[in-house]
PDB file of N, CA and C in Angstrom:
ATOM      1  N   MET A   1       0.877  -1.296   0.209  1.00  0.00           N
ATOM      2  CA  MET A   1      -0.135   0.045   0.004  1.00  0.00           C
ATOM      3  C   MET A   1       0.956   1.353   0.040  1.00  0.00           C
ATOM      4  N   SER A   2       0.577   2.169  -0.832  1.00  0.00           N
ATOM      5  CA  SER A   2       1.266   3.220  -1.224  1.00  0.00           C
ATOM      6  C   SER A   2       0.975   4.270   0.104  1.00  0.00           C
ATOM      7  N   LEU A   3       1.917   5.364   0.330  1.00  0.00           N
ATOM      8  CA  LEU A   3       1.934   6.388   1.265  1.00  0.00           C
ATOM      9  C   LEU A   3       0.473   7.364   0.938  1.00  0.00           C
ATOM     10  N   GLU A   4       0.391   7.452  -0.410  1.00  0.00           N
ATOM     11  CA  GLU A   4      -0.940   8.134  -0.989  1.00  0.00           C
ATOM     12  C   GLU A   4      -2.255   7.454  -0.709  1.00  0.00           C
ATOM     13  N   GLN A   5      -2.176   6.051  -0.636  1.00  0.00           N
ATOM     14  CA  GLN A   5      -3.441   5.261  -0.376  1.00  0.00           C
ATOM     15  C   GLN A   5      -3.823   5.415   1.171  1.00  0.00           C
ATOM     16  N   VAL A   6      -2.676   5.119   1.776  1.00  0.00           N
ATOM     17  CA  VAL A   6      -3.003   5.501   3.420  1.00  0.00           C
ATOM     18  C   VAL A   6      -3.391   6.679   3.869  1.00  0.00           C
ATOM     19  N   ARG A   7      -2.866   7.751   3.149  1.00  0.00           N
ATOM     20  CA  ARG A   7      -3.360   9.223   3.561  1.00  0.00           C
ATOM     21  C   ARG A   7      -5.135   9.391   2.966  1.00  0.00           C
ATOM     22  N   HIS A   8      -5.230   8.698   1.781  1.00  0.00           N
ATOM     23  CA  HIS A   8      -6.598   8.740   1.259  1.00  0.00           C
ATOM     24  C   HIS A   8      -7.573   7.972   2.234  1.00  0.00           C
ATOM     25  N   LEU A   9      -7.088   6.815   2.842  1.00  0.00           N
ATOM     26  CA  LEU A   9      -7.855   6.067   3.607  1.00  0.00           C
ATOM     27  C   LEU A   9      -7.892   6.686   5.022  1.00  0.00           C
ATOM     28  N   LEU A  10      -6.789   7.250   5.593  1.00  0.00           N
ATOM     29  CA  LEU A  10      -6.817   8.059   6.728  1.00  0.00           C
ATOM     30  C   LEU A  10      -7.905   9.513   6.728  1.00  0.00           C
ATOM     31  N   ALA A  11      -7.935   9.971   5.553  1.00  0.00           N
ATOM     32  CA  ALA A  11      -8.665  11.110   5.170  1.00  0.00           C
ATOM     33  C   ALA A  11     -10.109  10.594   5.223  1.00  0.00           C
ATOM     34  N   GLY A  12     -10.647   9.558   4.749  1.00  0.00           N
ATOM     35  CA  GLY A  12     -11.962   8.763   4.636  1.00  0.00           C
ATOM     36  C   GLY A  12     -12.448   8.556   6.275  1.00  0.00           C
ATOM     37  N   ALA A  13     -11.428   8.099   6.963  1.00  0.00           N
ATOM     38  CA  ALA A  13     -11.859   7.699   8.339  1.00  0.00           C
ATOM     39  C   ALA A  13     -11.916   9.018   9.123  1.00  0.00           C
ATOM     40  N   LEU A  14     -11.143  10.139   9.011  1.00  0.00           N
ATOM     41  CA  LEU A  14     -11.415  11.221   9.568  1.00  0.00           C
ATOM     42  C   LEU A  14     -12.581  11.998   9.154  1.00  0.00           C
ATOM     43  N   ASN A  15     -12.900  11.808   8.101  1.00  0.00           N
ATOM     44  CA  ASN A  15     -14.279  12.353   7.406  1.00  0.00           C
ATOM     45  C   ASN A  15     -15.551  11.735   8.199  1.00  0.00           C
ATOM     46  N   SER A  16     -15.325  10.380   8.339  1.00  0.00           N
ATOM     47  CA  SER A  16     -16.411   9.480   8.874  1.00  0.00           C
ATOM     48  C   SER A  16     -16.544  10.017  10.455  1.00  0.00           C
ATOM     49  N   VAL A  17     -15.372   9.966  10.975  1.00  0.00           N
ATOM     50  CA  VAL A  17     -15.357  10.590  12.329  1.00  0.00           C
ATOM     51  C   VAL A  17     -16.055  11.876  12.640  1.00  0.00           C
ATOM     52  N   ALA A  18     -15.775  12.763  11.846  1.00  0.00           N
ATOM     53  CA  ALA A  18     -16.396  13.898  11.811  1.00  0.00           C
ATOM     54  C   ALA A  18     -17.786  14.013  11.437  1.00  0.00           C
ATOM     55  N   ASP A  19     -18.189  13.099  10.828  1.00  0.00           N
ATOM     56  CA  ASP A  19     -19.753  13.029  10.325  1.00  0.00           C
ATOM     57  C   ASP A  19     -20.370  12.475  11.473  1.00  0.00           C
ATOM     58  N   ALA A  20     -19.807  11.417  12.070  1.00  0.00           N
ATOM     59  CA  ALA A  20     -20.368  10.752  13.253  1.00  0.00           C
ATOM     60  C   ALA A  20     -20.484  11.752  14.522  1.00  0.00           C
ATOM     61  N   HIS A  21     -19.305  12.718  14.528  1.00  0.00           N
ATOM     62  CA  HIS A  21     -19.553  13.516  15.626  1.00  0.00           C
ATOM     63  C   HIS A  21     -20.599  14.500  15.557  1.00  0.00           C
ATOM     64  N   ALA A  22     -20.773  14.984  14.225  1.00  0.00           N
ATOM     65  CA  ALA A  22     -21.801  15.856  13.732  1.00  0.00           C
ATOM     66  C   ALA A  22     -23.161  15.267  13.876  1.00  0.00           C
ATOM     67  N   ARG A  23     -23.334  13.993  13.697  1.00  0.00           N
ATOM     68  CA  ARG A  23     -24.705  13.285  13.981  1.00  0.00           C
ATOM     69  C   ARG A  23     -24.871  13.056  15.174  1.00  0.00           C
ATOM     70  N   SER A  24     -23.942  12.732  16.193  1.00  0.00           N
ATOM     71  CA  SER A  24     -24.127  12.710  17.501  1.00  0.00           C
ATOM     72  C   SER A  24     -24.579  13.990  18.278  1.00  0.00           C
ATOM     73  N   THR A  25     -23.752  14.992  17.651  1.00  0.00           N
ATOM     74  CA  THR A  25     -24.203  16.395  18.408  1.00  0.00           C
ATOM     75  C   THR A  25     -25.631  16.770  17.988  1.00  0.00           C
ATOM     76  N   HIS A  26     -26.046  16.423  16.658  1.00  0.00           N
ATOM     77  CA  HIS A  26     -27.410  16.702  16.406  1.00  0.00           C
ATOM     78  C   HIS A  26     -28.460  15.947  17.216  1.00  0.00           C
ATOM     79  N   ALA A  27     -28.106  14.611  17.420  1.00  0.00           N
ATOM     80  CA  ALA A  27     -28.779  13.722  18.239  1.00  0.00           C
ATOM     81  C   ALA A  27     -29.095  14.237  19.819  1.00  0.00           C
ATOM     82  N   LYS A  28     -27.922  14.764  20.338  1.00  0.00           N
ATOM     83  CA  LYS A  28     -27.785  15.334  21.408  1.00  0.00           C
ATOM     84  C   LYS A  28     -28.786  16.595  21.719  1.00  0.00           C
ATOM     85  N   ASP A  29     -28.773  17.370  20.609  1.00  0.00           N
ATOM     86  CA  ASP A  29     -29.572  18.532  20.653  1.00  0.00           C
ATOM     87  C   ASP A  29     -30.998  18.319  20.484  1.00  0.00           C
ATOM     88  N   LEU A  30     -31.369  17.337  19.715  1.00  0.00           N
ATOM     89  CA  LEU A  30     -32.628  16.644  19.520  1.00  0.00           C
ATOM     90  C   LEU A  30     -33.196  16.077  21.156  1.00  0.00           C
ATOM     91  N   LEU A  31     -32.379  15.511  22.005  1.00  0.00           N
ATOM     92  CA  LEU A  31     -32.729  15.012  23.144  1.00  0.00           C
ATOM     93  C   LEU A  31     -32.727  16.139  24.191  1.00  0.00           C
ATOM     94  N   ASP A  32     -31.965  17.120  23.865  1.00  0.00           N
ATOM     95  CA  ASP A  32     -31.979  18.430  24.675  1.00  0.00           C
ATOM     96  C   ASP A  32     -33.526  18.980  24.716  1.00  0.00           C
ATOM     97  N   ASP A  33     -33.682  19.261  23.115  1.00  0.00           N
ATOM     98  CA  ASP A  33     -35.102  19.642  23.090  1.00  0.00           C
ATOM     99  C   ASP A  33     -36.279  18.734  23.456  1.00  0.00           C
ATOM    100  N   TYR A  34     -36.286  17.466  23.550  1.00  0.00           N
ATOM    101  CA  TYR A  34     -37.177  16.622  24.102  1.00  0.00           C
ATOM    102  C   TYR A  34     -37.264  16.770  25.519  1.00  0.00           C
ATOM    103  N   ARG A  35     -36.064  16.898  26.060  1.00  0.00           N
ATOM    104  CA  ARG A  35     -36.303  17.042  27.504  1.00  0.00           C
ATOM    105  C   ARG A  35     -36.841  18.344  27.891  1.00  0.00           C
ATOM    106  N   ARG A  36     -36.569  19.427  27.310  1.00  0.00           N
ATOM    107  CA  ARG A  36     -37.255  20.825  27.559  1.00  0.00           C
ATOM    108  C   ARG A  36     -38.758  20.713  27.264  1.00  0.00           C
ATOM    109  N   VAL A  37     -39.027  20.109  26.294  1.00  0.00           N
ATOM    110  CA  VAL A  37     -40.562  19.847  26.121  1.00  0.00           C
ATOM    111  C   VAL A  37     -41.321  19.039  27.266  1.00  0.00           C
ATOM    112  N   VAL A  38     -40.773  18.069  27.523  1.00  0.00           N
ATOM    113  CA  VAL A  38     -41.234  17.141  28.741  1.00  0.00           C
ATOM    114  C   VAL A  38     -41.248  17.901  30.038  1.00  0.00           C
ATOM    115  N   VAL A  39     -40.224  18.712  30.377  1.00  0.00           N
ATOM    116  CA  VAL A  39     -40.328  19.410  31.422  1.00  0.00           C
ATOM    117  C   VAL A  39     -41.319  20.553  31.407  1.00  0.00           C
ATOM    118  N   GLU A  40     -41.569  21.269  30.178  1.00  0.00           N
ATOM    119  CA  GLU A  40     -42.535  22.174  30.019  1.00  0.00           C
ATOM    120  C   GLU A  40     -43.794  21.595  30.191  1.00  0.00           C
ATOM    121  N   VAL A  41     -44.154  20.452  29.525  1.00  0.00           N
ATOM    122  CA  VAL A  41     -45.519  19.797  29.611  1.00  0.00           C
ATOM    123  C   VAL A  41     -45.835  19.394  31.192  1.00  0.00           C
ATOM    124  N   GLN A  42     -44.870  18.852  31.702  1.00  0.00           N
ATOM    125  CA  GLN A  42     -44.997  18.482  32.967  1.00  0.00           C
ATOM    126  C   GLN A  42     -45.357  19.522  34.031  1.00  0.00           C
ATOM    127  N   ALA A  43     -44.698  20.670  33.807  1.00  0.00           N
ATOM    128  CA  ALA A  43     -44.899  21.902  34.492  1.00  0.00           C
ATOM    129  C   ALA A  43     -46.388  22.440  34.374  1.00  0.00           C
ATOM    130  N   GLN A  44     -46.957  22.219  33.207  1.00  0.00           N
ATOM    131  CA  GLN A  44     -48.471  22.788  32.969  1.00  0.00           C
ATOM    132  C   GLN A  44     -49.380  21.928  33.888  1.00  0.00           C
ATOM    133  N   ALA A  45     -49.019  20.537  33.913  1.00  0.00           N
ATOM    134  CA  ALA A  45     -49.904  19.619  34.820  1.00  0.00           C
ATOM    135  C   ALA A  45     -51.246  19.610  34.239  1.00  0.00           C
ATOM    136  N   GLN A  46     -51.566  19.412  33.108  1.00  0.00           N
ATOM    137  CA  GLN A  46     -53.014  19.353  32.558  1.00  0.00           C
ATOM    138  C   GLN A  46     -53.030  17.868  32.261  1.00  0.00           C
ATOM    139  N   PRO A  47     -53.852  17.069  33.220  1.00  0.00           N
ATOM    140  CA  PRO A  47     -53.849  15.734  33.001  1.00  0.00           C
ATOM    141  C   PRO A  47     -55.028  15.381  31.873  1.00  0.00           C
ATOM    142  N   TRP A  48     -54.616  14.322  31.271  1.00  0.00           N
ATOM    143  CA  TRP A  48     -55.526  13.942  30.051  1.00  0.00           C
ATOM    144  C   TRP A  48     -56.932  13.095  30.716  1.00  0.00           C
ATOM    145  N   LEU A  49     -57.943  13.327  30.435  1.00  0.00           N
ATOM    146  CA  LEU A  49     -58.902  12.476  31.075  1.00  0.00           C
ATOM    147  C   LEU A  49     -59.987  12.338  29.937  1.00  0.00           C
ATOM    148  N   PRO A  50     -60.390  11.039  29.909  1.00  0.00           N
ATOM    149  CA  PRO A  50     -61.370  10.727  28.566  1.00  0.00           C
ATOM    150  C   PRO A  50     -62.657  11.529  28.778  1.00  0.00           C
ATOM    151  N   ALA A  51     -63.403  11.628  27.471  1.00  0.00           N
ATOM    152  CA  ALA A  51     -64.435  12.326  27.692  1.00  0.00           C
ATOM    153  C   ALA A  51     -65.743  11.586  28.416  1.00  0.00           C
ATOM    154  N   GLU A  52     -65.563  10.240  28.188  1.00  0.00           N
ATOM    155  CA  GLU A  52     -66.557   9.325  28.838  1.00  0.00           C
ATOM    156  C   GLU A  52     -66.727   9.423  30.362  1.00  0.00           C
ATOM    157  N   LEU A  53     -65.508   9.980  30.911  1.00  0.00           N
ATOM    158  CA  LEU A  53     -65.562  10.111  32.204  1.00  0.00           C
ATOM    159  C   LEU A  53     -66.546  11.066  32.695  1.00  0.00           C
ATOM    160  N   ALA A  54     -66.430  12.204  32.130  1.00  0.00           N
ATOM    161  CA  ALA A  54     -67.572  13.317  32.474  1.00  0.00           C
ATOM    162  C   ALA A  54     -68.737  12.908  32.319  1.00  0.00           C
ATOM    163  N   ARG A  55     -69.163  12.313  31.088  1.00  0.00           N
ATOM    164  CA  ARG A  55     -70.517  11.880  30.779  1.00  0.00           C
ATOM    165  C   ARG A  55     -70.900  10.853  31.963  1.00  0.00           C
ATOM    166  N   ALA A  56     -70.142   9.889  32.311  1.00  0.00           N
ATOM    167  CA  ALA A  56     -70.447   8.907  33.264  1.00  0.00           C
ATOM    168  C   ALA A  56     -70.716   9.418  34.506  1.00  0.00           C
ATOM    169  N   VAL A  57     -69.979  10.544  35.080  1.00  0.00           N
ATOM    170  CA  VAL A  57     -70.274  11.269  36.339  1.00  0.00           C
ATOM    171  C   VAL A  57     -71.585  11.952  36.118  1.00  0.00           C
ATOM    172  N   GLU A  58     -71.769  12.448  35.072  1.00  0.00           N
ATOM    173  CA  GLU A  58     -73.252  13.394  34.974  1.00  0.00           C
ATOM    174  C   GLU A  58     -74.235  12.313  34.881  1.00  0.00           C
ATOM    175  N   GLN A  59     -74.084  11.190  34.243  1.00  0.00           N
ATOM    176  CA  GLN A  59     -75.139  10.152  34.327  1.00  0.00           C
ATOM    177  C   GLN A  59     -75.609   9.575  35.738  1.00  0.00           C
ATOM    178  N   ILE A  60     -74.456   9.589  36.620  1.00  0.00           N
ATOM    179  CA  ILE A  60     -74.687   8.949  37.821  1.00  0.00           C
ATOM    180  C   ILE A  60     -75.412  10.221  38.611  1.00  0.00           C
ATOM    181  N   ASP A  61     -74.840  11.233  38.499  1.00  0.00           N
ATOM    182  CA  ASP A  61     -75.627  12.410  39.372  1.00  0.00           C
ATOM    183  C   ASP A  61     -77.145  12.404  38.764  1.00  0.00           C
ATOM    184  N   ALA A  62     -77.353  12.207  37.554  1.00  0.00           N
ATOM    185  CA  ALA A  62     -78.693  12.248  37.131  1.00  0.00           C
ATOM    186  C   ALA A  62     -79.516  11.008  37.893  1.00  0.00           C
ATOM    187  N   ASN A  63     -78.983   9.961  37.844  1.00  0.00           N
ATOM    188  CA  ASN A  63     -79.651   8.794  38.546  1.00  0.00           C
ATOM    189  C   ASN A  63     -79.654   8.989  39.902  1.00  0.00           C
ATOM    190  N   HIS A  64     -78.823   9.579  40.509  1.00  0.00           N
ATOM    191  CA  HIS A  64     -79.084   9.883  41.950  1.00  0.00           C
ATOM    192  C   HIS A  64     -80.160  10.838  42.358  1.00  0.00           C
ATOM    193  N   ALA A  65     -80.284  11.950  41.329  1.00  0.00           N
ATOM    194  CA  ALA A  65     -81.378  12.633  41.307  1.00  0.00           C
ATOM    195  C   ALA A  65     -82.880  11.947  41.419  1.00  0.00           C
ATOM    196  N   ARG A  66     -82.858  11.083  40.337  1.00  0.00           N
ATOM    197  CA  ARG A  66     -83.919  10.066  40.200  1.00  0.00           C
ATOM    198  C   ARG A  66     -84.216   9.301  41.390  1.00  0.00           C
ATOM    199  N   LEU A  67     -83.243   8.744  41.929  1.00  0.00           N
ATOM    200  CA  LEU A  67     -83.515   7.885  43.223  1.00  0.00           C
ATOM    201  C   LEU A  67     -84.006   8.610  44.393  1.00  0.00           C
ATOM    202  N   ASP A  68     -83.450   9.923  44.420  1.00  0.00           N
ATOM    203  CA  ASP A  68     -83.928  10.920  45.574  1.00  0.00           C
ATOM    204  C   ASP A  68     -85.415  11.165  45.381  1.00  0.00           C
ATOM    205  N   THR A  69     -85.877  11.392  44.167  1.00  0.00           N
ATOM    206  CA  THR A  69     -87.164  11.689  44.033  1.00  0.00           C
ATOM    207  C   THR A  69     -88.054  10.360  44.167  1.00  0.00           C
ATOM    208  N   VAL A  70     -87.422   9.173  43.994  1.00  0.00           N
ATOM    209  CA  VAL A  70     -88.309   8.074  43.995  1.00  0.00           C
ATOM    210  C   VAL A  70     -88.265   7.887  45.836  1.00  0.00           C
ATOM    211  N   ARG A  71     -87.246   8.101  46.401  1.00  0.00           N
ATOM    212  CA  ARG A  71     -87.247   7.997  47.828  1.00  0.00           C
ATOM    213  C   ARG A  71     -88.146   8.978  48.389  1.00  0.00           C
ATOM    214  N   GLY A  72     -88.134  10.096  47.959  1.00  0.00           N
ATOM    215  CA  GLY A  72     -89.134  11.048  48.638  1.00  0.00           C
ATOM    216  C   GLY A  72     -90.463  10.608  48.441  1.00  0.00           C
ATOM    217  N   LEU A  73     -91.065  10.231  47.113  1.00  0.00           N
ATOM    218  CA  LEU A  73     -92.283   9.586  46.931  1.00  0.00           C
ATOM    219  C   LEU A  73     -92.523   8.507  47.931  1.00  0.00           C
ATOM    220  N   LEU A  74     -91.578   7.616  47.869  1.00  0.00           N
ATOM    221  CA  LEU A  74     -91.970   6.386  48.620  1.00  0.00           C
ATOM    222  C   LEU A  74     -92.016   6.955  50.133  1.00  0.00           C
ATOM    223  N   ALA A  75     -91.276   7.906  50.514  1.00  0.00           N
ATOM    224  CA  ALA A  75     -91.304   8.396  52.142  1.00  0.00           C
ATOM    225  C   ALA A  75     -92.589   9.009  52.294  1.00  0.00           C
ATOM    226  N   GLU A  76     -93.166   9.900  51.210  1.00  0.00           N
ATOM    227  CA  GLU A  76     -94.492  10.552  51.398  1.00  0.00           C
ATOM    228  C   GLU A  76     -95.628   9.423  51.326  1.00  0.00           C
ATOM    229  N   TYR A  77     -95.418   8.385  50.448  1.00  0.00           N
ATOM    230  CA  TYR A  77     -96.465   7.503  50.524  1.00  0.00           C
ATOM    231  C   TYR A  77     -96.562   6.481  51.724  1.00  0.00           C
ATOM    232  N   GLU A  78     -95.330   6.330  52.352  1.00  0.00           N
ATOM    233  CA  GLU A  78     -95.170   5.684  53.779  1.00  0.00           C
ATOM    234  C   GLU A  78     -95.945   6.439  54.735  1.00  0.00           C
ATOM    235  N   SER A  79     -95.613   7.770  54.793  1.00  0.00           N
ATOM    236  CA  SER A  79     -96.189   8.712  55.807  1.00  0.00           C
ATOM    237  C   SER A  79     -97.812   8.850  55.858  1.00  0.00           C
ATOM    238  N   ARG A  80     -98.452   8.510  54.614  1.00  0.00           N
ATOM    239  CA  ARG A  80     -99.845   8.523  54.341  1.00  0.00           C
ATOM    240  C   ARG A  80    -100.349   7.472  54.759  1.00  0.00           C
ATOM    241  N   LEU A  81     -99.671   6.215  54.827  1.00  0.00           N
ATOM    242  CA  LEU A  81    -100.266   4.873  55.355  1.00  0.00           C
ATOM    243  C   LEU A  81    -100.644   4.969  56.727  1.00  0.00           C
TER     244      LEU A  81
END
């Protein structure tokens, strides 16, 4: 192998190392951005709740109102006996 071939291979290796360094720097920047976003989202503390949960609670409240009405009617009927 000639000295020129070794220099060429060394230059290719150095370019590959520089490329790898640039890519790892970009990956670190992306991870830093991700960390910032996660911290910001957690600081807002807005939990996600399914819409069905609110509807289920409303339905239970409506059922309780109906049961209270029935209980009142039954209590009134009982007092008349």
